[in-house]
Amino acid sequence: METYTLLRAFADSWMLVAMVLLFAVVVVRAFRPGSRAAYADSAAIVLRNDDRPAGAPSEEGRP
């Protein structure tokens, strides 16, 4: 069997199954009940320095 034909047959069958399973795992992991807090924390990263710009000296004079 030619290499191209072998790789194409593998990609058409088992690689498709592997990619569908990977997609399902990613979706389940993203929407699991315990992930809400982690994603809320990630979404708030841009607002953490809302009171002053990053790198600006604080009220005590320390950065």
N, C-alpha and C. Protein backbone atom coordinates (compact mmCIF):
# COMPACT_ATOMS: atom_id res chain seq x y z
N MET A 1 0.84 -1.17 0.00
CA MET A 1 0.00 0.00 0.00
C MET A 1 0.89 1.24 0.00
N GLU A 2 0.52 2.19 -0.77
CA GLU A 2 1.28 3.42 -0.89
C GLU A 2 1.13 4.27 0.38
N THR A 3 2.15 5.01 0.71
CA THR A 3 2.14 5.79 1.95
C THR A 3 1.02 6.81 1.98
N TYR A 4 0.81 7.50 0.87
CA TYR A 4 -0.25 8.50 0.81
C TYR A 4 -1.61 7.86 1.04
N THR A 5 -1.85 6.75 0.43
CA THR A 5 -3.13 6.06 0.58
C THR A 5 -3.33 5.60 2.02
N LEU A 6 -2.28 5.10 2.63
CA LEU A 6 -2.36 4.65 4.01
C LEU A 6 -2.67 5.83 4.95
N LEU A 7 -1.95 6.94 4.78
CA LEU A 7 -2.18 8.11 5.62
C LEU A 7 -3.56 8.71 5.39
N ARG A 8 -4.02 8.70 4.17
CA ARG A 8 -5.35 9.23 3.88
C ARG A 8 -6.43 8.36 4.51
N ALA A 9 -6.27 7.07 4.46
CA ALA A 9 -7.25 6.17 5.08
C ALA A 9 -7.25 6.36 6.60
N PHE A 10 -6.07 6.55 7.19
CA PHE A 10 -5.99 6.81 8.62
C PHE A 10 -6.67 8.13 8.98
N ALA A 11 -6.42 9.17 8.20
CA ALA A 11 -7.02 10.47 8.47
C ALA A 11 -8.53 10.44 8.28
N ASP A 12 -9.00 9.69 7.33
CA ASP A 12 -10.44 9.62 7.08
C ASP A 12 -11.19 8.84 8.15
N SER A 13 -10.52 7.96 8.85
CA SER A 13 -11.23 7.14 9.81
C SER A 13 -10.85 7.47 11.24
N TRP A 14 -9.70 7.04 11.68
CA TRP A 14 -9.33 7.15 13.08
C TRP A 14 -9.00 8.58 13.51
N MET A 15 -8.42 9.36 12.64
CA MET A 15 -8.12 10.74 13.02
C MET A 15 -9.40 11.54 13.18
N LEU A 16 -10.40 11.26 12.38
CA LEU A 16 -11.69 11.92 12.53
C LEU A 16 -12.31 11.56 13.88
N VAL A 17 -12.23 10.32 14.26
CA VAL A 17 -12.75 9.89 15.57
C VAL A 17 -11.97 10.58 16.69
N ALA A 18 -10.66 10.66 16.57
CA ALA A 18 -9.83 11.30 17.59
C ALA A 18 -10.16 12.78 17.72
N MET A 19 -10.36 13.46 16.61
CA MET A 19 -10.67 14.89 16.66
C MET A 19 -12.05 15.15 17.25
N VAL A 20 -13.01 14.30 16.95
CA VAL A 20 -14.34 14.45 17.53
C VAL A 20 -14.28 14.22 19.04
N LEU A 21 -13.53 13.22 19.48
CA LEU A 21 -13.38 12.98 20.92
C LEU A 21 -12.66 14.13 21.60
N LEU A 22 -11.64 14.69 20.98
CA LEU A 22 -10.94 15.83 21.54
C LEU A 22 -11.88 17.04 21.67
N PHE A 23 -12.67 17.28 20.66
CA PHE A 23 -13.65 18.37 20.70
C PHE A 23 -14.64 18.16 21.84
N ALA A 24 -15.12 16.95 22.00
CA ALA A 24 -16.07 16.65 23.07
C ALA A 24 -15.45 16.87 24.44
N VAL A 25 -14.20 16.48 24.61
CA VAL A 25 -13.51 16.67 25.89
C VAL A 25 -13.35 18.16 26.19
N VAL A 26 -12.99 18.94 25.20
CA VAL A 26 -12.82 20.38 25.40
C VAL A 26 -14.14 21.04 25.76
N VAL A 27 -15.21 20.66 25.09
CA VAL A 27 -16.52 21.23 25.39
C VAL A 27 -16.98 20.84 26.79
N VAL A 28 -16.83 19.59 27.15
CA VAL A 28 -17.24 19.15 28.49
C VAL A 28 -16.41 19.86 29.56
N ARG A 29 -15.12 20.03 29.32
CA ARG A 29 -14.27 20.69 30.30
C ARG A 29 -14.63 22.17 30.43
N ALA A 30 -14.99 22.80 29.35
CA ALA A 30 -15.34 24.23 29.41
C ALA A 30 -16.67 24.47 30.10
N PHE A 31 -17.61 23.55 29.97
CA PHE A 31 -18.94 23.76 30.53
C PHE A 31 -19.22 22.95 31.78
N ARG A 32 -18.18 22.39 32.40
CA ARG A 32 -18.41 21.64 33.63
C ARG A 32 -18.81 22.61 34.75
N PRO A 33 -19.54 22.14 35.75
CA PRO A 33 -20.05 23.03 36.78
C PRO A 33 -18.98 23.79 37.56
N GLY A 34 -17.85 23.21 37.82
CA GLY A 34 -16.83 23.86 38.63
C GLY A 34 -15.98 24.88 37.91
N SER A 35 -16.17 25.08 36.62
CA SER A 35 -15.29 25.97 35.88
C SER A 35 -15.75 27.42 35.89
N ARG A 36 -16.92 27.70 36.42
CA ARG A 36 -17.44 29.07 36.40
C ARG A 36 -16.51 30.03 37.15
N ALA A 37 -16.02 29.63 38.30
CA ALA A 37 -15.15 30.50 39.09
C ALA A 37 -13.82 30.78 38.37
N ALA A 38 -13.26 29.77 37.75
CA ALA A 38 -12.00 29.96 37.04
C ALA A 38 -12.16 30.90 35.86
N TYR A 39 -13.24 30.77 35.11
CA TYR A 39 -13.46 31.64 33.97
C TYR A 39 -13.85 33.05 34.41
N ALA A 40 -14.55 33.19 35.53
CA ALA A 40 -14.86 34.52 36.05
C ALA A 40 -13.59 35.22 36.49
N ASP A 41 -12.67 34.48 37.10
CA ASP A 41 -11.39 35.05 37.50
C ASP A 41 -10.58 35.48 36.28
N SER A 42 -10.57 34.67 35.23
CA SER A 42 -9.86 35.02 34.01
C SER A 42 -10.47 36.23 33.32
N ALA A 43 -11.78 36.35 33.37
CA ALA A 43 -12.45 37.48 32.74
C ALA A 43 -12.18 38.78 33.48
N ALA A 44 -11.86 38.71 34.77
CA ALA A 44 -11.64 39.91 35.57
C ALA A 44 -10.19 40.37 35.57
N ILE A 45 -9.32 39.71 34.85
CA ILE A 45 -7.90 40.07 34.84
C ILE A 45 -7.71 41.51 34.38
N VAL A 46 -8.42 41.94 33.36
CA VAL A 46 -8.23 43.29 32.84
C VAL A 46 -8.72 44.36 33.80
N LEU A 47 -9.52 44.00 34.78
CA LEU A 47 -10.06 44.98 35.72
C LEU A 47 -9.35 44.99 37.06
N ARG A 48 -8.33 44.22 37.23
CA ARG A 48 -7.66 44.11 38.53
C ARG A 48 -6.98 45.40 38.95
N ASN A 49 -6.45 46.17 38.02
CA ASN A 49 -5.78 47.43 38.35
C ASN A 49 -6.69 48.60 37.99
N ASP A 50 -7.95 48.47 38.31
CA ASP A 50 -8.91 49.48 37.92
C ASP A 50 -8.73 50.79 38.69
N ASP A 51 -8.21 50.73 39.91
CA ASP A 51 -8.06 51.94 40.71
C ASP A 51 -6.87 52.78 40.28
N ARG A 52 -5.85 52.17 39.71
CA ARG A 52 -4.69 52.91 39.21
C ARG A 52 -4.05 52.10 38.09
N PRO A 53 -3.36 52.75 37.17
CA PRO A 53 -2.71 52.01 36.09
C PRO A 53 -1.63 51.09 36.62
N ALA A 54 -1.39 50.02 35.91
CA ALA A 54 -0.34 49.08 36.32
C ALA A 54 1.00 49.79 36.28
N GLY A 55 1.79 49.62 37.31
CA GLY A 55 3.12 50.24 37.38
C GLY A 55 3.11 51.62 37.99
N ALA A 56 1.94 52.21 38.22
CA ALA A 56 1.89 53.53 38.84
C ALA A 56 2.18 53.39 40.32
N PRO A 57 2.81 54.40 40.92
CA PRO A 57 3.09 54.30 42.36
C PRO A 57 1.80 54.30 43.18
N SER A 58 1.82 53.54 44.24
CA SER A 58 0.65 53.49 45.10
C SER A 58 0.62 54.69 46.02
N GLU A 59 -0.39 54.76 46.88
CA GLU A 59 -0.52 55.88 47.79
C GLU A 59 0.63 55.96 48.77
N GLU A 60 1.24 54.82 49.09
CA GLU A 60 2.37 54.80 50.01
C GLU A 60 3.66 55.18 49.32
N GLY A 61 3.63 55.36 48.01
CA GLY A 61 4.82 55.72 47.26
C GLY A 61 5.60 54.54 46.73
N ARG A 62 5.13 53.32 47.01
CA ARG A 62 5.78 52.12 46.49
C ARG A 62 5.02 51.64 45.26
N PRO A 63 5.71 51.12 44.26
CA PRO A 63 5.00 50.59 43.07
C PRO A 63 4.24 49.33 43.37
